[in-house]
Amino acid sequence: MDNGLLHTEKILADRKTFYIDLKENSRGMVVKITEDVGGNRDTIMVPAEILGDFIQALQEVKNTADQHSD
């Protein structure tokens, strides 16, 4: 297991796989979100201290998407 890895989740969506990892290092905790499409990977890092704001923004985007999917 990767050093500093505290928790991991995996989401499968069509041909994409998303990995959500909570990691800790000397600077603190970070959430690493990786999208894997056929071996091509893109990653963003979200500092754990703003995770609540990040989740709230995603929920607001989801709410808007839900309204437009009817």
C-alpha atoms as a PDB file:
ATOM      1  CA  MET A   1       0.000   0.000   0.000  1.00  0.00           C
ATOM      2  CA  ASP A   2       1.193   3.511  -0.803  1.00  0.00           C
ATOM      3  CA  ASN A   3       2.914   5.283   2.076  1.00  0.00           C
ATOM      4  CA  GLY A   4       0.638   7.940   3.570  1.00  0.00           C
ATOM      5  CA  LEU A   5      -2.567   6.462   2.136  1.00  0.00           C
ATOM      6  CA  LEU A   6      -5.328   6.672   4.754  1.00  0.00           C
ATOM      7  CA  HIS A   7      -8.388   5.713   2.694  1.00  0.00           C
ATOM      8  CA  THR A   8      -9.288   4.987  -0.919  1.00  0.00           C
ATOM      9  CA  GLU A   9     -12.490   4.694  -2.953  1.00  0.00           C
ATOM     10  CA  LYS A  10     -12.974   3.549  -6.554  1.00  0.00           C
ATOM     11  CA  ILE A  11     -15.845   4.559  -8.848  1.00  0.00           C
ATOM     12  CA  LEU A  12     -16.468   2.868 -12.206  1.00  0.00           C
ATOM     13  CA  ALA A  13     -18.317   4.906 -14.832  1.00  0.00           C
ATOM     14  CA  ASP A  14     -18.529   3.526 -18.387  1.00  0.00           C
ATOM     15  CA  ARG A  15     -14.944   3.428 -19.641  1.00  0.00           C
ATOM     16  CA  LYS A  16     -13.610   5.658 -16.853  1.00  0.00           C
ATOM     17  CA  THR A  17     -12.359   4.774 -13.415  1.00  0.00           C
ATOM     18  CA  PHE A  18     -12.126   7.373 -10.664  1.00  0.00           C
ATOM     19  CA  TYR A  19      -9.869   6.902  -7.647  1.00  0.00           C
ATOM     20  CA  ILE A  20     -10.414   9.057  -4.564  1.00  0.00           C
ATOM     21  CA  ASP A  21      -7.550   8.776  -2.095  1.00  0.00           C
ATOM     22  CA  LEU A  22      -7.114  10.443   1.274  1.00  0.00           C
ATOM     23  CA  LYS A  23      -3.385  10.820   1.873  1.00  0.00           C
ATOM     24  CA  GLU A  24      -1.279  12.368   4.581  1.00  0.00           C
ATOM     25  CA  ASN A  25       2.209  13.803   4.350  1.00  0.00           C
ATOM     26  CA  SER A  26       4.357  16.217   6.332  1.00  0.00           C
ATOM     27  CA  ARG A  27       2.244  19.158   5.127  1.00  0.00           C
ATOM     28  CA  GLY A  28      -1.085  17.625   6.188  1.00  0.00           C
ATOM     29  CA  MET A  29      -3.912  15.706   4.543  1.00  0.00           C
ATOM     30  CA  VAL A  30      -4.951  15.923   0.918  1.00  0.00           C
ATOM     31  CA  VAL A  31      -7.588  14.269  -1.245  1.00  0.00           C
ATOM     32  CA  LYS A  32      -6.175  13.031  -4.539  1.00  0.00           C
ATOM     33  CA  ILE A  33      -8.791  12.497  -7.265  1.00  0.00           C
ATOM     34  CA  THR A  34      -7.581  10.570 -10.306  1.00  0.00           C
ATOM     35  CA  GLU A  35      -9.479   9.862 -13.515  1.00  0.00           C
ATOM     36  CA  ASP A  36      -8.188   6.902 -15.534  1.00  0.00           C
ATOM     37  CA  VAL A  37      -9.380   6.499 -19.128  1.00  0.00           C
ATOM     38  CA  GLY A  38      -7.634   3.671 -20.935  1.00  0.00           C
ATOM     39  CA  GLY A  39      -4.396   4.205 -19.047  1.00  0.00           C
ATOM     40  CA  ASN A  40      -4.397   8.001 -19.440  1.00  0.00           C
ATOM     41  CA  ARG A  41      -4.595   9.624 -16.035  1.00  0.00           C
ATOM     42  CA  ASP A  42      -5.472  13.109 -14.851  1.00  0.00           C
ATOM     43  CA  THR A  43      -5.226  14.052 -11.190  1.00  0.00           C
ATOM     44  CA  ILE A  44      -6.265  16.925  -8.965  1.00  0.00           C
ATOM     45  CA  MET A  45      -5.308  17.468  -5.343  1.00  0.00           C
ATOM     46  CA  VAL A  46      -7.733  19.030  -2.854  1.00  0.00           C
ATOM     47  CA  PRO A  47      -6.401  20.101   0.543  1.00  0.00           C
ATOM     48  CA  ALA A  48      -8.410  18.303   3.247  1.00  0.00           C
ATOM     49  CA  GLU A  49      -9.103  21.581   5.057  1.00  0.00           C
ATOM     50  CA  ILE A  50     -11.287  22.783   2.149  1.00  0.00           C
ATOM     51  CA  LEU A  51     -12.923  19.415   1.501  1.00  0.00           C
ATOM     52  CA  GLY A  52     -16.231  20.614   2.977  1.00  0.00           C
ATOM     53  CA  ASP A  53     -16.341  23.573   0.568  1.00  0.00           C
ATOM     54  CA  PHE A  54     -15.410  21.284  -2.334  1.00  0.00           C
ATOM     55  CA  ILE A  55     -18.185  18.808  -1.491  1.00  0.00           C
ATOM     56  CA  GLN A  56     -20.706  21.628  -1.059  1.00  0.00           C
ATOM     57  CA  ALA A  57     -19.806  23.038  -4.494  1.00  0.00           C
ATOM     58  CA  LEU A  58     -20.179  19.573  -6.053  1.00  0.00           C
ATOM     59  CA  GLN A  59     -23.583  19.185  -4.373  1.00  0.00           C
ATOM     60  CA  GLU A  60     -24.714  22.520  -5.817  1.00  0.00           C
ATOM     61  CA  VAL A  61     -23.570  21.423  -9.283  1.00  0.00           C
ATOM     62  CA  LYS A  62     -25.412  18.120  -8.817  1.00  0.00           C
ATOM     63  CA  ASN A  63     -28.583  19.938  -7.777  1.00  0.00           C
ATOM     64  CA  THR A  64     -28.465  22.049 -10.938  1.00  0.00           C
ATOM     65  CA  ALA A  65     -27.780  18.970 -13.100  1.00  0.00           C
ATOM     66  CA  ASP A  66     -30.724  17.162 -11.469  1.00  0.00           C
ATOM     67  CA  GLN A  67     -33.033  20.100 -12.285  1.00  0.00           C
ATOM     68  CA  HIS A  68     -31.983  20.041 -15.928  1.00  0.00           C
ATOM     69  CA  SER A  69     -32.282  16.274 -16.387  1.00  0.00           C
ATOM     70  CA  ASP A  70     -36.085  16.185 -16.100  1.00  0.00           C
END
